[in-house]
Amino acid sequence: MFSNIGWGEILFLLVLGLIIVGPERLPGLIEDVKAAIYAARKAINNAKAELNGEFGQEFQELQKPIGQITRLRSMGPKGAIAKVLFDEDESFMDSFDPKKIMSEPTVGQAYRQQQGNNQATQGQPAPAPQQQQQSQPQEQSPQPPVQKPTFSWDDIT
């Protein structure tokens, strides 16, 4: 409740109270404030108990949708989408996870591994990549160098 009030502010209020009320009446005033806070808390708790007794079922029915909204807000976007669309089955959403996609071997890696296994079973060592390139026909035209995309402020404005 008072999370934004620091010890400096509390000390300031005590000094201000000491100056305004005076040192003789300050302990009595603190006792009165303490009793007022206690009475207010007790009245609030009694009102809650009375309302829960009278409106118990209706209040619980009202709390269910509010609780669902609170759970959806705490889940985050991925969890909320999985809950609403896939009945909390996140396995479908995991197929879009970039970390999992990058950790799996690519098609090219799987092909090279399969080729290596086939050649190993035939008893022949796998040829070096340079030998494979030399054995390819020279008829292919040289490919242009790959250009990396560069940042330009003209793209934004």
C-alpha atoms as a PDB file:
ATOM      1  CA  MET A   1       0.000   0.000   0.000  1.00  0.00           C
ATOM      2  CA  PHE A   2       2.722   2.434   0.963  1.00  0.00           C
ATOM      3  CA  SER A   3       5.457   0.994  -1.242  1.00  0.00           C
ATOM      4  CA  ASN A   4       6.423   4.423  -2.579  1.00  0.00           C
ATOM      5  CA  ILE A   5       6.864   6.008   0.876  1.00  0.00           C
ATOM      6  CA  GLY A   6      10.427   5.776   2.111  1.00  0.00           C
ATOM      7  CA  TRP A   7      11.987   6.125   5.534  1.00  0.00           C
ATOM      8  CA  GLY A   8      12.815   9.750   4.822  1.00  0.00           C
ATOM      9  CA  GLU A   9       9.146  10.634   4.340  1.00  0.00           C
ATOM     10  CA  ILE A  10       8.147   8.751   7.498  1.00  0.00           C
ATOM     11  CA  LEU A  11      10.811  10.587   9.497  1.00  0.00           C
ATOM     12  CA  PHE A  12       9.611  13.893   8.036  1.00  0.00           C
ATOM     13  CA  LEU A  13       6.010  13.141   9.107  1.00  0.00           C
ATOM     14  CA  LEU A  14       7.141  12.246  12.630  1.00  0.00           C
ATOM     15  CA  VAL A  15       9.148  15.464  12.972  1.00  0.00           C
ATOM     16  CA  LEU A  16       6.247  17.475  11.542  1.00  0.00           C
ATOM     17  CA  GLY A  17       3.835  15.768  13.957  1.00  0.00           C
ATOM     18  CA  LEU A  18       6.208  16.461  16.847  1.00  0.00           C
ATOM     19  CA  ILE A  19       6.324  20.153  15.923  1.00  0.00           C
ATOM     20  CA  ILE A  20       2.566  20.585  15.308  1.00  0.00           C
ATOM     21  CA  VAL A  21       1.097  18.371  18.049  1.00  0.00           C
ATOM     22  CA  GLY A  22       3.874  18.659  20.570  1.00  0.00           C
ATOM     23  CA  PRO A  23       5.875  16.039  22.427  1.00  0.00           C
ATOM     24  CA  GLU A  24       3.295  15.667  25.222  1.00  0.00           C
ATOM     25  CA  ARG A  25       0.320  14.709  23.034  1.00  0.00           C
ATOM     26  CA  LEU A  26       2.151  12.856  20.214  1.00  0.00           C
ATOM     27  CA  PRO A  27       2.111   9.357  21.858  1.00  0.00           C
ATOM     28  CA  GLY A  28      -1.641   9.654  22.503  1.00  0.00           C
ATOM     29  CA  LEU A  29      -2.241  10.744  18.905  1.00  0.00           C
ATOM     30  CA  ILE A  30      -0.253   7.775  17.613  1.00  0.00           C
ATOM     31  CA  GLU A  31      -2.386   5.453  19.777  1.00  0.00           C
ATOM     32  CA  ASP A  32      -5.584   7.035  18.393  1.00  0.00           C
ATOM     33  CA  VAL A  33      -4.410   6.650  14.769  1.00  0.00           C
ATOM     34  CA  LYS A  34      -3.418   3.047  15.461  1.00  0.00           C
ATOM     35  CA  ALA A  35      -6.881   2.316  16.944  1.00  0.00           C
ATOM     36  CA  ALA A  36      -8.612   3.968  13.961  1.00  0.00           C
ATOM     37  CA  ILE A  37      -6.629   1.841  11.483  1.00  0.00           C
ATOM     38  CA  TYR A  38      -7.434  -1.314  13.479  1.00  0.00           C
ATOM     39  CA  ALA A  39     -11.153  -0.439  13.551  1.00  0.00           C
ATOM     40  CA  ALA A  40     -11.184   0.247   9.797  1.00  0.00           C
ATOM     41  CA  ARG A  41      -9.527  -3.096   9.036  1.00  0.00           C
ATOM     42  CA  LYS A  42     -11.970  -4.922  11.295  1.00  0.00           C
ATOM     43  CA  ALA A  43     -14.954  -3.211   9.626  1.00  0.00           C
ATOM     44  CA  ILE A  44     -13.652  -4.096   6.152  1.00  0.00           C
ATOM     45  CA  ASN A  45     -13.136  -7.753   7.124  1.00  0.00           C
ATOM     46  CA  ASN A  46     -16.647  -7.907   8.625  1.00  0.00           C
ATOM     47  CA  ALA A  47     -18.128  -6.417   5.446  1.00  0.00           C
ATOM     48  CA  LYS A  48     -16.242  -8.980   3.322  1.00  0.00           C
ATOM     49  CA  ALA A  49     -17.516 -11.850   5.463  1.00  0.00           C
ATOM     50  CA  GLU A  50     -21.094 -10.546   5.259  1.00  0.00           C
ATOM     51  CA  LEU A  51     -20.958 -10.110   1.480  1.00  0.00           C
ATOM     52  CA  ASN A  52     -19.440 -13.563   1.020  1.00  0.00           C
ATOM     53  CA  GLY A  53     -22.242 -15.011   3.136  1.00  0.00           C
ATOM     54  CA  GLU A  54     -25.034 -13.246   1.252  1.00  0.00           C
ATOM     55  CA  PHE A  55     -23.629 -13.273  -2.280  1.00  0.00           C
ATOM     56  CA  GLY A  56     -21.364 -16.336  -2.096  1.00  0.00           C
ATOM     57  CA  GLN A  57     -22.501 -18.184  -5.230  1.00  0.00           C
ATOM     58  CA  GLU A  58     -23.033 -15.084  -7.360  1.00  0.00           C
ATOM     59  CA  PHE A  59     -19.682 -13.685  -6.328  1.00  0.00           C
ATOM     60  CA  GLN A  60     -17.902 -16.950  -7.184  1.00  0.00           C
ATOM     61  CA  GLU A  61     -19.558 -16.971 -10.608  1.00  0.00           C
ATOM     62  CA  LEU A  62     -18.284 -13.440 -11.149  1.00  0.00           C
ATOM     63  CA  GLN A  63     -14.802 -14.403  -9.982  1.00  0.00           C
ATOM     64  CA  LYS A  64     -14.405 -17.220 -12.558  1.00  0.00           C
ATOM     65  CA  PRO A  65     -14.128 -14.993 -15.673  1.00  0.00           C
ATOM     66  CA  ILE A  66     -11.946 -12.526 -13.799  1.00  0.00           C
ATOM     67  CA  GLY A  67      -9.657 -15.385 -12.749  1.00  0.00           C
ATOM     68  CA  GLN A  68      -9.441 -16.615 -16.344  1.00  0.00           C
ATOM     69  CA  ILE A  69      -8.457 -13.157 -17.548  1.00  0.00           C
ATOM     70  CA  THR A  70      -5.811 -12.944 -14.832  1.00  0.00           C
ATOM     71  CA  ARG A  71      -4.368 -16.333 -15.835  1.00  0.00           C
ATOM     72  CA  LEU A  72      -4.292 -15.344 -19.520  1.00  0.00           C
ATOM     73  CA  ARG A  73      -2.479 -12.095 -18.699  1.00  0.00           C
ATOM     74  CA  SER A  74       0.135 -13.963 -16.655  1.00  0.00           C
ATOM     75  CA  MET A  75       0.738 -16.574 -19.392  1.00  0.00           C
ATOM     76  CA  GLY A  76       2.228 -14.286 -21.976  1.00  0.00           C
ATOM     77  CA  PRO A  77       1.361 -14.215 -25.665  1.00  0.00           C
ATOM     78  CA  LYS A  78       2.571 -17.720 -26.590  1.00  0.00           C
ATOM     79  CA  GLY A  79       0.779 -19.422 -23.708  1.00  0.00           C
ATOM     80  CA  ALA A  80      -2.430 -17.460 -24.259  1.00  0.00           C
ATOM     81  CA  ILE A  81      -2.552 -18.346 -27.958  1.00  0.00           C
ATOM     82  CA  ALA A  82      -1.858 -22.008 -27.186  1.00  0.00           C
ATOM     83  CA  LYS A  83      -4.600 -22.065 -24.549  1.00  0.00           C
ATOM     84  CA  VAL A  84      -7.237 -20.385 -26.678  1.00  0.00           C
ATOM     85  CA  LEU A  85      -6.522 -22.048 -30.021  1.00  0.00           C
ATOM     86  CA  PHE A  86      -5.018 -25.418 -29.083  1.00  0.00           C
ATOM     87  CA  ASP A  87      -6.466 -26.175 -25.609  1.00  0.00           C
ATOM     88  CA  GLU A  88      -3.077 -25.668 -23.904  1.00  0.00           C
ATOM     89  CA  ASP A  89      -1.283 -27.977 -26.371  1.00  0.00           C
ATOM     90  CA  GLU A  90       1.938 -26.038 -26.921  1.00  0.00           C
ATOM     91  CA  SER A  91       3.532 -28.729 -29.090  1.00  0.00           C
ATOM     92  CA  PHE A  92       2.122 -27.047 -32.202  1.00  0.00           C
ATOM     93  CA  MET A  93       3.588 -23.689 -31.172  1.00  0.00           C
ATOM     94  CA  ASP A  94       6.974 -25.321 -30.503  1.00  0.00           C
ATOM     95  CA  SER A  95       7.326 -26.011 -34.225  1.00  0.00           C
ATOM     96  CA  PHE A  96       7.715 -22.234 -34.668  1.00  0.00           C
ATOM     97  CA  ASP A  97      10.423 -21.927 -32.013  1.00  0.00           C
ATOM     98  CA  PRO A  98      13.591 -20.628 -33.740  1.00  0.00           C
ATOM     99  CA  LYS A  99      15.887 -22.218 -31.151  1.00  0.00           C
ATOM    100  CA  LYS A 100      14.468 -25.661 -31.848  1.00  0.00           C
ATOM    101  CA  ILE A 101      14.523 -25.085 -35.589  1.00  0.00           C
ATOM    102  CA  MET A 102      18.204 -24.095 -35.522  1.00  0.00           C
ATOM    103  CA  SER A 103      19.171 -27.006 -33.245  1.00  0.00           C
ATOM    104  CA  GLU A 104      17.787 -29.604 -35.668  1.00  0.00           C
ATOM    105  CA  PRO A 105      20.055 -30.726 -38.512  1.00  0.00           C
ATOM    106  CA  THR A 106      19.275 -29.184 -41.856  1.00  0.00           C
ATOM    107  CA  VAL A 107      18.401 -31.165 -44.970  1.00  0.00           C
ATOM    108  CA  GLY A 108      21.880 -30.638 -46.382  1.00  0.00           C
ATOM    109  CA  GLN A 109      23.564 -31.829 -43.204  1.00  0.00           C
ATOM    110  CA  ALA A 110      21.358 -34.920 -43.109  1.00  0.00           C
ATOM    111  CA  TYR A 111      22.140 -35.661 -46.783  1.00  0.00           C
ATOM    112  CA  ARG A 112      25.895 -35.329 -46.254  1.00  0.00           C
ATOM    113  CA  GLN A 113      25.697 -37.551 -43.195  1.00  0.00           C
ATOM    114  CA  GLN A 114      23.748 -40.157 -45.162  1.00  0.00           C
ATOM    115  CA  GLN A 115      26.261 -40.008 -48.009  1.00  0.00           C
ATOM    116  CA  GLY A 116      29.095 -40.425 -45.525  1.00  0.00           C
ATOM    117  CA  ASN A 117      27.382 -43.465 -43.994  1.00  0.00           C
ATOM    118  CA  ASN A 118      26.823 -45.017 -47.441  1.00  0.00           C
ATOM    119  CA  GLN A 119      30.473 -44.583 -48.421  1.00  0.00           C
ATOM    120  CA  ALA A 120      31.676 -45.880 -45.063  1.00  0.00           C
ATOM    121  CA  THR A 121      29.624 -49.050 -45.504  1.00  0.00           C
ATOM    122  CA  GLN A 122      31.163 -49.559 -48.974  1.00  0.00           C
ATOM    123  CA  GLY A 123      34.641 -49.453 -47.457  1.00  0.00           C
ATOM    124  CA  GLN A 124      35.753 -46.375 -49.335  1.00  0.00           C
ATOM    125  CA  PRO A 125      36.896 -43.251 -47.535  1.00  0.00           C
ATOM    126  CA  ALA A 126      34.822 -40.174 -48.129  1.00  0.00           C
ATOM    127  CA  PRO A 127      36.406 -37.922 -50.758  1.00  0.00           C
ATOM    128  CA  ALA A 128      37.601 -34.544 -49.611  1.00  0.00           C
ATOM    129  CA  PRO A 129      35.378 -31.591 -50.507  1.00  0.00           C
ATOM    130  CA  GLN A 130      38.092 -30.169 -52.803  1.00  0.00           C
ATOM    131  CA  GLN A 131      38.187 -33.385 -54.841  1.00  0.00           C
ATOM    132  CA  GLN A 132      34.432 -33.260 -55.289  1.00  0.00           C
ATOM    133  CA  GLN A 133      34.626 -29.712 -56.585  1.00  0.00           C
ATOM    134  CA  GLN A 134      37.359 -30.603 -59.090  1.00  0.00           C
ATOM    135  CA  SER A 135      35.395 -33.552 -60.427  1.00  0.00           C
ATOM    136  CA  GLN A 136      32.385 -31.327 -61.185  1.00  0.00           C
ATOM    137  CA  PRO A 137      32.163 -30.056 -64.756  1.00  0.00           C
ATOM    138  CA  GLN A 138      33.655 -26.659 -65.406  1.00  0.00           C
ATOM    139  CA  GLU A 139      30.673 -25.633 -67.543  1.00  0.00           C
ATOM    140  CA  GLN A 140      28.932 -23.926 -64.627  1.00  0.00           C
ATOM    141  CA  SER A 141      29.160 -20.177 -64.750  1.00  0.00           C
ATOM    142  CA  PRO A 142      30.747 -18.454 -61.757  1.00  0.00           C
ATOM    143  CA  GLN A 143      28.134 -17.214 -59.335  1.00  0.00           C
ATOM    144  CA  PRO A 144      28.133 -13.540 -58.365  1.00  0.00           C
ATOM    145  CA  PRO A 145      29.287 -12.742 -54.839  1.00  0.00           C
ATOM    146  CA  VAL A 146      26.529 -12.700 -52.254  1.00  0.00           C
ATOM    147  CA  GLN A 147      25.804  -9.199 -51.037  1.00  0.00           C
ATOM    148  CA  LYS A 148      24.801  -8.718 -47.456  1.00  0.00           C
ATOM    149  CA  PRO A 149      21.880  -6.362 -46.854  1.00  0.00           C
ATOM    150  CA  THR A 150      23.046  -3.022 -45.588  1.00  0.00           C
ATOM    151  CA  PHE A 151      21.230  -0.525 -43.440  1.00  0.00           C
ATOM    152  CA  SER A 152      20.163   2.746 -44.970  1.00  0.00           C
ATOM    153  CA  TRP A 153      18.167   5.603 -43.502  1.00  0.00           C
ATOM    154  CA  ASP A 154      16.554   5.974 -46.929  1.00  0.00           C
ATOM    155  CA  ASP A 155      14.720   2.693 -46.307  1.00  0.00           C
ATOM    156  CA  ILE A 156      13.047   4.173 -43.241  1.00  0.00           C
ATOM    157  CA  THR A 157      12.155   7.641 -44.484  1.00  0.00           C
END
